[in-house]
Amino acid sequence: MALAARPWRLLPVGCSAARGLRLPAGAAGSRGQRIPWRLGASEVMGNSGTCKRSLLFSALSYLGFETYQVISQAVLVHAAAKVFKIEEVLEQADYLYESGETEKLYQLLTQYKESEDAELLWRLARASRDVAQLRGTSEEEKKFLVYEALEYAKRALEKNESSFAAHKWYAICISDVGDYEGIKAKIANAYIIKEHFEKAIELNPKDATSIHLMGIWCYTFAEMPWYQRRIAKVLFATPPSSTYEEALGYFHRAEQVDPNFYSKNLLLLGKTYLKLHNKKLAAFWLTKAKDYPAHTEEDKQIQTEAAQLLTGFSDKN
């Protein structure tokens, strides 16, 4: 060890053995020549104690530095292992999500609900919401899960404001909570929801879901009934508003980014064309929605709704 091999390097300046020192010119009895520098016994003992203390302090400092390096390396190894663990969990979560294993996904992610990783937290918000929408979930459980999802999404956003998914799921969860807090709260949150959808699109223009959700926002305010519009006018000097044409633009844009990515986007293209009295294009998109492979509970519901709409305006013809 360097400490044992070269202890002299740890000695402070001035603690060398009693060597001859060159006195400054003009000092008593000297003319600049080298003469022995004799020390009294008390002076030698005094300097010896100082040197011992300095040596001990230097040794402790060296050992402290060695300990610091060991601890730092251990912390880095632990952090790397933690990152690897999170990546592993996210990989499992994405597999379960793609497989439609909603409850298993929720059970996996809730084990890490205290995590500070934004990627894990927004996935947990999504999983909570998905469980809330299952047919077997009671109304009481659904409400709990909806509010729980909002908390996870909020934490995800706090941890990483540059995450497009955190913005997207925060907006979705705020909208869901509005179903329990009344029409005033839902309308009051409208601009906040829009802001986060727009931010999600800005951060990731290739995310078809965020674009689709912006289309839903437009569609919702385009078909808002008159009494809700009156509430909106009370809450805002300029109440939120939109048109079916604007909604249609977002739905088509989402389809261009990722064709056939979501059965609901196909359904809403059909429904929007119905609102615009274009039955030919409405039938085209509703048929695509009806024939879309059902992977989830929502897909099955959309198939049924699309079939009913097709039957409805076919009968009129």
C-alpha atoms as a PDB file:
ATOM      1  CA  MET A   1       0.000   0.000   0.000  1.00  0.00           C
ATOM      2  CA  ALA A   2       1.304   3.471  -0.842  1.00  0.00           C
ATOM      3  CA  LEU A   3       0.720   4.537   2.780  1.00  0.00           C
ATOM      4  CA  ALA A   4       3.135   1.902   4.133  1.00  0.00           C
ATOM      5  CA  ALA A   5       5.682   2.221   1.327  1.00  0.00           C
ATOM      6  CA  ARG A   6       6.163   5.998   1.376  1.00  0.00           C
ATOM      7  CA  PRO A   7       5.151   7.463   4.738  1.00  0.00           C
ATOM      8  CA  TRP A   8       7.399  10.455   4.182  1.00  0.00           C
ATOM      9  CA  ARG A   9       4.943  11.793   1.631  1.00  0.00           C
ATOM     10  CA  LEU A  10       2.402  12.224   4.392  1.00  0.00           C
ATOM     11  CA  LEU A  11       4.745  14.261   6.615  1.00  0.00           C
ATOM     12  CA  PRO A  12       3.970  17.944   6.840  1.00  0.00           C
ATOM     13  CA  VAL A  13       6.502  20.469   5.671  1.00  0.00           C
ATOM     14  CA  GLY A  14       8.889  21.273   8.542  1.00  0.00           C
ATOM     15  CA  CYS A  15       8.779  17.760  10.116  1.00  0.00           C
ATOM     16  CA  SER A  16      11.982  16.515   8.470  1.00  0.00           C
ATOM     17  CA  ALA A  17      14.787  15.160  10.711  1.00  0.00           C
ATOM     18  CA  ALA A  18      17.360  17.576  12.246  1.00  0.00           C
ATOM     19  CA  ARG A  19      19.190  18.406   9.067  1.00  0.00           C
ATOM     20  CA  GLY A  20      21.402  21.400   8.411  1.00  0.00           C
ATOM     21  CA  LEU A  21      19.397  24.424   7.314  1.00  0.00           C
ATOM     22  CA  ARG A  22      20.658  27.351   5.331  1.00  0.00           C
ATOM     23  CA  LEU A  23      20.217  30.499   7.391  1.00  0.00           C
ATOM     24  CA  PRO A  24      19.402  33.733   5.701  1.00  0.00           C
ATOM     25  CA  ALA A  25      22.338  35.992   5.095  1.00  0.00           C
ATOM     26  CA  GLY A  26      22.925  38.318   8.056  1.00  0.00           C
ATOM     27  CA  ALA A  27      21.630  35.916  10.669  1.00  0.00           C
ATOM     28  CA  ALA A  28      23.776  35.734  13.844  1.00  0.00           C
ATOM     29  CA  GLY A  29      27.109  33.973  13.215  1.00  0.00           C
ATOM     30  CA  SER A  30      26.325  33.069   9.577  1.00  0.00           C
ATOM     31  CA  ARG A  31      27.419  34.187   6.208  1.00  0.00           C
ATOM     32  CA  GLY A  32      25.067  32.054   4.222  1.00  0.00           C
ATOM     33  CA  GLN A  33      27.072  28.866   4.938  1.00  0.00           C
ATOM     34  CA  ARG A  34      25.512  25.476   5.883  1.00  0.00           C
ATOM     35  CA  ILE A  35      25.685  24.853   9.660  1.00  0.00           C
ATOM     36  CA  PRO A  36      24.122  22.201  11.898  1.00  0.00           C
ATOM     37  CA  TRP A  37      20.779  23.238  13.374  1.00  0.00           C
ATOM     38  CA  ARG A  38      20.704  21.889  16.897  1.00  0.00           C
ATOM     39  CA  LEU A  39      17.410  21.505  18.752  1.00  0.00           C
ATOM     40  CA  GLY A  40      16.763  21.204  22.455  1.00  0.00           C
ATOM     41  CA  ALA A  41      15.150  18.026  23.858  1.00  0.00           C
ATOM     42  CA  SER A  42      11.807  19.738  24.518  1.00  0.00           C
ATOM     43  CA  GLU A  43      11.721  21.091  20.973  1.00  0.00           C
ATOM     44  CA  VAL A  44      12.444  17.663  19.503  1.00  0.00           C
ATOM     45  CA  MET A  45       9.688  16.081  21.593  1.00  0.00           C
ATOM     46  CA  GLY A  46       7.296  18.850  20.637  1.00  0.00           C
ATOM     47  CA  ASN A  47       7.899  18.452  16.925  1.00  0.00           C
ATOM     48  CA  SER A  48       7.757  14.661  17.211  1.00  0.00           C
ATOM     49  CA  GLY A  49       4.228  14.880  18.685  1.00  0.00           C
ATOM     50  CA  THR A  50       3.130  17.232  15.919  1.00  0.00           C
ATOM     51  CA  CYS A  51       4.485  14.894  13.269  1.00  0.00           C
ATOM     52  CA  LYS A  52       2.802  11.870  14.849  1.00  0.00           C
ATOM     53  CA  ARG A  53      -0.523  13.679  14.946  1.00  0.00           C
ATOM     54  CA  SER A  54      -0.100  14.828  11.349  1.00  0.00           C
ATOM     55  CA  LEU A  55       0.817  11.308  10.264  1.00  0.00           C
ATOM     56  CA  LEU A  56      -2.217   9.876  12.080  1.00  0.00           C
ATOM     57  CA  PHE A  57      -4.514  12.508  10.576  1.00  0.00           C
ATOM     58  CA  SER A  58      -3.136  11.863   7.075  1.00  0.00           C
ATOM     59  CA  ALA A  59      -3.556   8.117   7.502  1.00  0.00           C
ATOM     60  CA  LEU A  60      -7.150   8.544   8.641  1.00  0.00           C
ATOM     61  CA  SER A  61      -7.812  10.887   5.731  1.00  0.00           C
ATOM     62  CA  TYR A  62      -6.396   8.318   3.324  1.00  0.00           C
ATOM     63  CA  LEU A  63      -8.485   5.525   4.847  1.00  0.00           C
ATOM     64  CA  GLY A  64     -11.530   7.803   4.773  1.00  0.00           C
ATOM     65  CA  PHE A  65     -10.980   8.429   1.062  1.00  0.00           C
ATOM     66  CA  GLU A  66     -10.619   4.687   0.436  1.00  0.00           C
ATOM     67  CA  THR A  67     -13.892   4.086   2.314  1.00  0.00           C
ATOM     68  CA  TYR A  68     -15.608   6.848   0.344  1.00  0.00           C
ATOM     69  CA  GLN A  69     -14.518   5.226  -2.927  1.00  0.00           C
ATOM     70  CA  VAL A  70     -15.812   1.820  -1.834  1.00  0.00           C
ATOM     71  CA  ILE A  71     -19.174   3.301  -0.738  1.00  0.00           C
ATOM     72  CA  SER A  72     -19.471   5.350  -3.956  1.00  0.00           C
ATOM     73  CA  GLN A  73     -18.847   2.261  -6.073  1.00  0.00           C
ATOM     74  CA  ALA A  74     -21.422   0.318  -4.049  1.00  0.00           C
ATOM     75  CA  VAL A  75     -23.992   3.094  -4.556  1.00  0.00           C
ATOM     76  CA  LEU A  76     -23.347   3.114  -8.306  1.00  0.00           C
ATOM     77  CA  VAL A  77     -23.698  -0.668  -8.498  1.00  0.00           C
ATOM     78  CA  HIS A  78     -26.946  -0.496  -6.506  1.00  0.00           C
ATOM     79  CA  ALA A  79     -28.290   2.298  -8.751  1.00  0.00           C
ATOM     80  CA  ALA A  80     -27.395   0.333 -11.885  1.00  0.00           C
ATOM     81  CA  ALA A  81     -29.127  -2.763 -10.493  1.00  0.00           C
ATOM     82  CA  LYS A  82     -32.186  -0.648  -9.651  1.00  0.00           C
ATOM     83  CA  VAL A  83     -32.343   0.751 -13.198  1.00  0.00           C
ATOM     84  CA  PHE A  84     -32.013  -2.756 -14.619  1.00  0.00           C
ATOM     85  CA  LYS A  85     -34.818  -3.935 -12.318  1.00  0.00           C
ATOM     86  CA  ILE A  86     -37.126  -1.116 -13.464  1.00  0.00           C
ATOM     87  CA  GLU A  87     -36.353  -1.845 -17.119  1.00  0.00           C
ATOM     88  CA  GLU A  88     -37.186  -5.499 -16.515  1.00  0.00           C
ATOM     89  CA  VAL A  89     -40.509  -4.605 -14.866  1.00  0.00           C
ATOM     90  CA  LEU A  90     -41.412  -2.220 -17.715  1.00  0.00           C
ATOM     91  CA  GLU A  91     -40.672  -4.950 -20.255  1.00  0.00           C
ATOM     92  CA  GLN A  92     -42.947  -7.382 -18.393  1.00  0.00           C
ATOM     93  CA  ALA A  93     -45.630  -4.677 -18.073  1.00  0.00           C
ATOM     94  CA  ASP A  94     -45.620  -3.921 -21.800  1.00  0.00           C
ATOM     95  CA  TYR A  95     -45.881  -7.628 -22.624  1.00  0.00           C
ATOM     96  CA  LEU A  96     -48.887  -8.029 -20.303  1.00  0.00           C
ATOM     97  CA  TYR A  97     -50.526  -4.906 -21.736  1.00  0.00           C
ATOM     98  CA  GLU A  98     -50.146  -6.129 -25.320  1.00  0.00           C
ATOM     99  CA  SER A  99     -51.509  -9.523 -24.230  1.00  0.00           C
ATOM    100  CA  GLY A 100     -54.616  -7.916 -22.690  1.00  0.00           C
ATOM    101  CA  GLU A 101     -53.764  -9.255 -19.214  1.00  0.00           C
ATOM    102  CA  THR A 102     -55.270  -6.247 -17.436  1.00  0.00           C
ATOM    103  CA  GLU A 103     -55.517  -7.644 -13.904  1.00  0.00           C
ATOM    104  CA  LYS A 104     -52.108  -9.334 -13.978  1.00  0.00           C
ATOM    105  CA  LEU A 105     -50.580  -6.084 -15.204  1.00  0.00           C
ATOM    106  CA  TYR A 106     -52.188  -4.145 -12.358  1.00  0.00           C
ATOM    107  CA  GLN A 107     -50.980  -6.720  -9.808  1.00  0.00           C
ATOM    108  CA  LEU A 108     -47.434  -6.518 -11.177  1.00  0.00           C
ATOM    109  CA  LEU A 109     -47.211  -2.729 -11.170  1.00  0.00           C
ATOM    110  CA  THR A 110     -48.847  -2.139  -7.776  1.00  0.00           C
ATOM    111  CA  GLN A 111     -45.851  -3.915  -6.219  1.00  0.00           C
ATOM    112  CA  TYR A 112     -43.829  -0.862  -7.288  1.00  0.00           C
ATOM    113  CA  LYS A 113     -46.363   1.869  -6.510  1.00  0.00           C
ATOM    114  CA  GLU A 114     -43.822   3.720  -4.341  1.00  0.00           C
ATOM    115  CA  SER A 115     -41.457   4.004  -7.288  1.00  0.00           C
ATOM    116  CA  GLU A 116     -40.243   7.410  -8.435  1.00  0.00           C
ATOM    117  CA  ASP A 117     -39.877   6.295 -12.050  1.00  0.00           C
ATOM    118  CA  ALA A 118     -42.230   8.264 -14.327  1.00  0.00           C
ATOM    119  CA  GLU A 119     -42.363   5.493 -16.937  1.00  0.00           C
ATOM    120  CA  LEU A 120     -43.582   3.016 -14.346  1.00  0.00           C
ATOM    121  CA  LEU A 121     -46.018   5.455 -12.752  1.00  0.00           C
ATOM    122  CA  TRP A 122     -47.896   6.398 -15.932  1.00  0.00           C
ATOM    123  CA  ARG A 123     -48.208   2.711 -16.781  1.00  0.00           C
ATOM    124  CA  LEU A 124     -49.662   2.145 -13.326  1.00  0.00           C
ATOM    125  CA  ALA A 125     -52.154   4.982 -13.918  1.00  0.00           C
ATOM    126  CA  ARG A 126     -53.194   3.321 -17.170  1.00  0.00           C
ATOM    127  CA  ALA A 127     -53.490  -0.097 -15.501  1.00  0.00           C
ATOM    128  CA  SER A 128     -55.654   1.308 -12.673  1.00  0.00           C
ATOM    129  CA  ARG A 129     -57.960   2.907 -15.218  1.00  0.00           C
ATOM    130  CA  ASP A 130     -58.160  -0.273 -17.294  1.00  0.00           C
ATOM    131  CA  VAL A 131     -59.161  -2.346 -14.245  1.00  0.00           C
ATOM    132  CA  ALA A 132     -61.791   0.296 -13.407  1.00  0.00           C
ATOM    133  CA  GLN A 133     -63.365  -0.272 -16.824  1.00  0.00           C
ATOM    134  CA  LEU A 134     -63.661  -4.064 -16.493  1.00  0.00           C
ATOM    135  CA  ARG A 135     -67.229  -5.399 -16.335  1.00  0.00           C
ATOM    136  CA  GLY A 136     -66.562  -7.232 -13.078  1.00  0.00           C
ATOM    137  CA  THR A 137     -65.428  -4.069 -11.253  1.00  0.00           C
ATOM    138  CA  SER A 138     -68.021  -2.726  -8.804  1.00  0.00           C
ATOM    139  CA  GLU A 139     -68.998   0.947  -8.858  1.00  0.00           C
ATOM    140  CA  GLU A 140     -67.266   1.530  -5.532  1.00  0.00           C
ATOM    141  CA  GLU A 141     -64.043  -0.103  -6.744  1.00  0.00           C
ATOM    142  CA  LYS A 142     -64.252   1.777 -10.015  1.00  0.00           C
ATOM    143  CA  LYS A 143     -64.400   5.149  -8.273  1.00  0.00           C
ATOM    144  CA  PHE A 144     -61.440   4.232  -6.062  1.00  0.00           C
ATOM    145  CA  LEU A 145     -59.389   3.112  -9.082  1.00  0.00           C
ATOM    146  CA  VAL A 146     -60.223   6.244 -11.087  1.00  0.00           C
ATOM    147  CA  TYR A 147     -58.941   8.522  -8.306  1.00  0.00           C
ATOM    148  CA  GLU A 148     -55.959   6.228  -7.729  1.00  0.00           C
ATOM    149  CA  ALA A 149     -55.077   6.451 -11.431  1.00  0.00           C
ATOM    150  CA  LEU A 150     -55.093  10.255 -11.237  1.00  0.00           C
ATOM    151  CA  GLU A 151     -52.650  10.204  -8.311  1.00  0.00           C
ATOM    152  CA  TYR A 152     -50.247   7.931 -10.189  1.00  0.00           C
ATOM    153  CA  ALA A 153     -50.470  10.089 -13.328  1.00  0.00           C
ATOM    154  CA  LYS A 154     -49.870  13.243 -11.290  1.00  0.00           C
ATOM    155  CA  ARG A 155     -46.775  11.715  -9.691  1.00  0.00           C
ATOM    156  CA  ALA A 156     -45.491  10.608 -13.094  1.00  0.00           C
ATOM    157  CA  LEU A 157     -45.810  14.179 -14.378  1.00  0.00           C
ATOM    158  CA  GLU A 158     -44.066  15.577 -11.293  1.00  0.00           C
ATOM    159  CA  LYS A 159     -41.157  13.180 -11.839  1.00  0.00           C
ATOM    160  CA  ASN A 160     -40.781  13.930 -15.544  1.00  0.00           C
ATOM    161  CA  GLU A 161     -42.514  16.858 -17.231  1.00  0.00           C
ATOM    162  CA  SER A 162     -40.894  15.868 -20.528  1.00  0.00           C
ATOM    163  CA  SER A 163     -42.790  12.571 -20.684  1.00  0.00           C
ATOM    164  CA  PHE A 164     -45.494  12.781 -23.354  1.00  0.00           C
ATOM    165  CA  ALA A 165     -47.213   9.720 -21.854  1.00  0.00           C
ATOM    166  CA  ALA A 166     -47.367  11.337 -18.405  1.00  0.00           C
ATOM    167  CA  HIS A 167     -49.120  14.396 -19.927  1.00  0.00           C
ATOM    168  CA  LYS A 168     -51.495  12.173 -21.885  1.00  0.00           C
ATOM    169  CA  TRP A 169     -52.534   9.978 -18.953  1.00  0.00           C
ATOM    170  CA  TYR A 170     -52.796  12.922 -16.582  1.00  0.00           C
ATOM    171  CA  ALA A 171     -55.311  14.544 -18.961  1.00  0.00           C
ATOM    172  CA  ILE A 172     -57.244  11.275 -19.379  1.00  0.00           C
ATOM    173  CA  CYS A 173     -57.442  10.745 -15.615  1.00  0.00           C
ATOM    174  CA  ILE A 174     -58.595  14.322 -14.936  1.00  0.00           C
ATOM    175  CA  SER A 175     -61.391  13.748 -17.442  1.00  0.00           C
ATOM    176  CA  ASP A 176     -62.376  10.477 -15.731  1.00  0.00           C
ATOM    177  CA  VAL A 177     -62.523  12.099 -12.307  1.00  0.00           C
ATOM    178  CA  GLY A 178     -64.858  14.744 -13.761  1.00  0.00           C
ATOM    179  CA  ASP A 179     -67.496  12.014 -14.150  1.00  0.00           C
ATOM    180  CA  TYR A 180     -67.693  11.871 -10.332  1.00  0.00           C
ATOM    181  CA  GLU A 181     -67.384  15.593  -9.635  1.00  0.00           C
ATOM    182  CA  GLY A 182     -70.167  16.889 -11.852  1.00  0.00           C
ATOM    183  CA  ILE A 183     -70.546  18.770 -15.096  1.00  0.00           C
ATOM    184  CA  LYS A 184     -69.169  22.041 -13.670  1.00  0.00           C
ATOM    185  CA  ALA A 185     -65.899  20.385 -12.646  1.00  0.00           C
ATOM    186  CA  LYS A 186     -65.664  18.602 -15.993  1.00  0.00           C
ATOM    187  CA  ILE A 187     -66.121  21.819 -17.957  1.00  0.00           C
ATOM    188  CA  ALA A 188     -63.803  23.722 -15.603  1.00  0.00           C
ATOM    189  CA  ASN A 189     -61.041  21.189 -16.313  1.00  0.00           C
ATOM    190  CA  ALA A 190     -61.552  21.365 -20.079  1.00  0.00           C
ATOM    191  CA  TYR A 191     -58.712  23.766 -20.805  1.00  0.00           C
ATOM    192  CA  ILE A 192     -56.314  21.861 -18.511  1.00  0.00           C
ATOM    193  CA  ILE A 193     -57.132  18.624 -20.341  1.00  0.00           C
ATOM    194  CA  LYS A 194     -56.640  20.254 -23.736  1.00  0.00           C
ATOM    195  CA  GLU A 195     -53.333  21.796 -22.647  1.00  0.00           C
ATOM    196  CA  HIS A 196     -51.903  18.415 -21.610  1.00  0.00           C
ATOM    197  CA  PHE A 197     -53.094  16.658 -24.775  1.00  0.00           C
ATOM    198  CA  GLU A 198     -51.483  19.383 -26.873  1.00  0.00           C
ATOM    199  CA  LYS A 199     -48.261  19.096 -24.848  1.00  0.00           C
ATOM    200  CA  ALA A 200     -48.239  15.313 -25.352  1.00  0.00           C
ATOM    201  CA  ILE A 201     -48.582  15.827 -29.137  1.00  0.00           C
ATOM    202  CA  GLU A 202     -45.821  18.455 -29.106  1.00  0.00           C
ATOM    203  CA  LEU A 203     -43.465  16.084 -27.245  1.00  0.00           C
ATOM    204  CA  ASN A 204     -44.320  13.136 -29.492  1.00  0.00           C
ATOM    205  CA  PRO A 205     -46.069  14.020 -32.785  1.00  0.00           C
ATOM    206  CA  LYS A 206     -46.014  10.317 -33.746  1.00  0.00           C
ATOM    207  CA  ASP A 207     -48.224   9.180 -30.872  1.00  0.00           C
ATOM    208  CA  ALA A 208     -51.547   8.416 -32.549  1.00  0.00           C
ATOM    209  CA  THR A 209     -53.376   8.032 -29.233  1.00  0.00           C
ATOM    210  CA  SER A 210     -52.656  11.599 -28.098  1.00  0.00           C
ATOM    211  CA  ILE A 211     -53.885  12.928 -31.461  1.00  0.00           C
ATOM    212  CA  HIS A 212     -56.994  10.742 -31.203  1.00  0.00           C
ATOM    213  CA  LEU A 213     -57.722  12.079 -27.711  1.00  0.00           C
ATOM    214  CA  MET A 214     -57.441  15.648 -28.952  1.00  0.00           C
ATOM    215  CA  GLY A 215     -60.060  14.653 -31.546  1.00  0.00           C
ATOM    216  CA  ILE A 216     -62.341  13.369 -28.781  1.00  0.00           C
ATOM    217  CA  TRP A 217     -61.928  16.692 -26.950  1.00  0.00           C
ATOM    218  CA  CYS A 218     -63.063  18.533 -30.109  1.00  0.00           C
ATOM    219  CA  TYR A 219     -65.927  16.096 -30.752  1.00  0.00           C
ATOM    220  CA  THR A 220     -67.171  16.449 -27.147  1.00  0.00           C
ATOM    221  CA  PHE A 221     -67.367  20.242 -27.324  1.00  0.00           C
ATOM    222  CA  ALA A 222     -68.807  20.195 -30.827  1.00  0.00           C
ATOM    223  CA  GLU A 223     -71.795  18.177 -29.619  1.00  0.00           C
ATOM    224  CA  MET A 224     -72.120  19.873 -26.230  1.00  0.00           C
ATOM    225  CA  PRO A 225     -75.832  20.441 -25.428  1.00  0.00           C
ATOM    226  CA  TRP A 226     -77.141  23.977 -24.902  1.00  0.00           C
ATOM    227  CA  TYR A 227     -77.484  23.733 -21.101  1.00  0.00           C
ATOM    228  CA  GLN A 228     -73.818  22.740 -20.765  1.00  0.00           C
ATOM    229  CA  ARG A 229     -72.841  25.628 -23.002  1.00  0.00           C
ATOM    230  CA  ARG A 230     -74.630  27.972 -20.585  1.00  0.00           C
ATOM    231  CA  ILE A 231     -72.614  26.543 -17.684  1.00  0.00           C
ATOM    232  CA  ALA A 232     -69.435  26.991 -19.705  1.00  0.00           C
ATOM    233  CA  LYS A 233     -70.270  30.661 -20.325  1.00  0.00           C
ATOM    234  CA  VAL A 234     -70.626  31.209 -16.577  1.00  0.00           C
ATOM    235  CA  LEU A 235     -67.250  29.567 -15.861  1.00  0.00           C
ATOM    236  CA  PHE A 236     -65.232  31.114 -18.684  1.00  0.00           C
ATOM    237  CA  ALA A 237     -65.178  34.456 -20.418  1.00  0.00           C
ATOM    238  CA  THR A 238     -64.349  32.445 -23.533  1.00  0.00           C
ATOM    239  CA  PRO A 239     -65.854  28.977 -23.023  1.00  0.00           C
ATOM    240  CA  PRO A 240     -64.224  25.962 -24.727  1.00  0.00           C
ATOM    241  CA  SER A 241     -65.682  25.147 -28.120  1.00  0.00           C
ATOM    242  CA  SER A 242     -64.883  23.186 -31.252  1.00  0.00           C
ATOM    243  CA  THR A 243     -66.388  21.764 -34.457  1.00  0.00           C
ATOM    244  CA  TYR A 244     -66.944  18.336 -35.997  1.00  0.00           C
ATOM    245  CA  GLU A 245     -64.622  19.330 -38.835  1.00  0.00           C
ATOM    246  CA  GLU A 246     -61.828  19.982 -36.340  1.00  0.00           C
ATOM    247  CA  ALA A 247     -62.476  16.634 -34.617  1.00  0.00           C
ATOM    248  CA  LEU A 248     -62.448  14.868 -37.985  1.00  0.00           C
ATOM    249  CA  GLY A 249     -59.054  16.403 -38.766  1.00  0.00           C
ATOM    250  CA  TYR A 250     -57.522  14.924 -35.606  1.00  0.00           C
ATOM    251  CA  PHE A 251     -59.087  11.470 -36.171  1.00  0.00           C
ATOM    252  CA  HIS A 252     -57.720  11.348 -39.727  1.00  0.00           C
ATOM    253  CA  ARG A 253     -54.333  12.599 -38.568  1.00  0.00           C
ATOM    254  CA  ALA A 254     -54.183   9.822 -35.957  1.00  0.00           C
ATOM    255  CA  GLU A 255     -55.054   7.255 -38.636  1.00  0.00           C
ATOM    256  CA  GLN A 256     -52.303   8.582 -40.896  1.00  0.00           C
ATOM    257  CA  VAL A 257     -49.732   8.301 -38.096  1.00  0.00           C
ATOM    258  CA  ASP A 258     -50.721   4.725 -37.216  1.00  0.00           C
ATOM    259  CA  PRO A 259     -53.387   3.088 -39.437  1.00  0.00           C
ATOM    260  CA  ASN A 260     -55.926   0.870 -37.633  1.00  0.00           C
ATOM    261  CA  PHE A 261     -54.224   1.460 -34.286  1.00  0.00           C
ATOM    262  CA  TYR A 262     -57.478   1.732 -32.304  1.00  0.00           C
ATOM    263  CA  SER A 263     -61.029   0.562 -32.896  1.00  0.00           C
ATOM    264  CA  LYS A 264     -62.480   3.659 -31.243  1.00  0.00           C
ATOM    265  CA  ASN A 265     -60.752   5.963 -33.713  1.00  0.00           C
ATOM    266  CA  LEU A 266     -62.458   4.059 -36.548  1.00  0.00           C
ATOM    267  CA  LEU A 267     -65.814   4.307 -34.751  1.00  0.00           C
ATOM    268  CA  LEU A 268     -65.463   8.045 -34.172  1.00  0.00           C
ATOM    269  CA  LEU A 269     -64.514   8.671 -37.789  1.00  0.00           C
ATOM    270  CA  GLY A 270     -67.794   6.987 -38.728  1.00  0.00           C
ATOM    271  CA  LYS A 271     -69.794   8.886 -36.103  1.00  0.00           C
ATOM    272  CA  THR A 272     -68.259  12.232 -37.086  1.00  0.00           C
ATOM    273  CA  TYR A 273     -69.128  11.660 -40.743  1.00  0.00           C
ATOM    274  CA  LEU A 274     -72.672  10.871 -39.622  1.00  0.00           C
ATOM    275  CA  LYS A 275     -72.782  14.233 -37.824  1.00  0.00           C
ATOM    276  CA  LEU A 276     -71.617  15.845 -41.062  1.00  0.00           C
ATOM    277  CA  HIS A 277     -74.333  13.950 -43.017  1.00  0.00           C
ATOM    278  CA  ASN A 278     -71.865  11.971 -45.106  1.00  0.00           C
ATOM    279  CA  LYS A 279     -73.404   8.488 -44.934  1.00  0.00           C
ATOM    280  CA  LYS A 280     -71.127   6.935 -47.522  1.00  0.00           C
ATOM    281  CA  LEU A 281     -67.922   7.676 -45.589  1.00  0.00           C
ATOM    282  CA  ALA A 282     -69.690   6.996 -42.282  1.00  0.00           C
ATOM    283  CA  ALA A 283     -70.556   3.485 -43.506  1.00  0.00           C
ATOM    284  CA  PHE A 284     -66.960   2.934 -44.636  1.00  0.00           C
ATOM    285  CA  TRP A 285     -65.443   3.714 -41.221  1.00  0.00           C
ATOM    286  CA  LEU A 286     -68.188   2.064 -39.177  1.00  0.00           C
ATOM    287  CA  THR A 287     -67.704  -1.147 -41.152  1.00  0.00           C
ATOM    288  CA  LYS A 288     -63.980  -1.035 -40.367  1.00  0.00           C
ATOM    289  CA  ALA A 289     -64.821  -0.563 -36.678  1.00  0.00           C
ATOM    290  CA  LYS A 290     -67.286  -3.485 -36.747  1.00  0.00           C
ATOM    291  CA  ASP A 291     -64.743  -5.795 -38.391  1.00  0.00           C
ATOM    292  CA  TYR A 292     -61.851  -4.760 -36.138  1.00  0.00           C
ATOM    293  CA  PRO A 293     -60.401  -7.785 -34.233  1.00  0.00           C
ATOM    294  CA  ALA A 294     -61.617  -7.615 -30.623  1.00  0.00           C
ATOM    295  CA  HIS A 295     -58.670  -7.859 -28.237  1.00  0.00           C
ATOM    296  CA  THR A 296     -60.233  -6.031 -25.297  1.00  0.00           C
ATOM    297  CA  GLU A 297     -63.602  -5.495 -23.622  1.00  0.00           C
ATOM    298  CA  GLU A 298     -63.718  -2.041 -25.206  1.00  0.00           C
ATOM    299  CA  ASP A 299     -63.172  -3.482 -28.692  1.00  0.00           C
ATOM    300  CA  LYS A 300     -66.208  -5.742 -28.206  1.00  0.00           C
ATOM    301  CA  GLN A 301     -68.360  -2.810 -27.112  1.00  0.00           C
ATOM    302  CA  ILE A 302     -67.216  -0.778 -30.128  1.00  0.00           C
ATOM    303  CA  GLN A 303     -68.030  -3.650 -32.493  1.00  0.00           C
ATOM    304  CA  THR A 304     -71.574  -3.759 -31.085  1.00  0.00           C
ATOM    305  CA  GLU A 305     -72.063   0.028 -31.324  1.00  0.00           C
ATOM    306  CA  ALA A 306     -70.730   0.162 -34.887  1.00  0.00           C
ATOM    307  CA  ALA A 307     -73.048  -2.688 -35.948  1.00  0.00           C
ATOM    308  CA  GLN A 308     -76.048  -0.942 -34.375  1.00  0.00           C
ATOM    309  CA  LEU A 309     -75.245   2.355 -36.121  1.00  0.00           C
ATOM    310  CA  LEU A 310     -74.864   0.595 -39.462  1.00  0.00           C
ATOM    311  CA  THR A 311     -78.185  -1.215 -38.999  1.00  0.00           C
ATOM    312  CA  GLY A 312     -79.843   2.018 -37.925  1.00  0.00           C
ATOM    313  CA  PHE A 313     -79.117   4.115 -40.990  1.00  0.00           C
ATOM    314  CA  SER A 314     -79.321   1.138 -43.376  1.00  0.00           C
ATOM    315  CA  ASP A 315     -82.944   0.589 -42.279  1.00  0.00           C
ATOM    316  CA  LYS A 316     -83.721   4.238 -43.040  1.00  0.00           C
ATOM    317  CA  ASN A 317     -82.525   3.729 -46.576  1.00  0.00           C
END
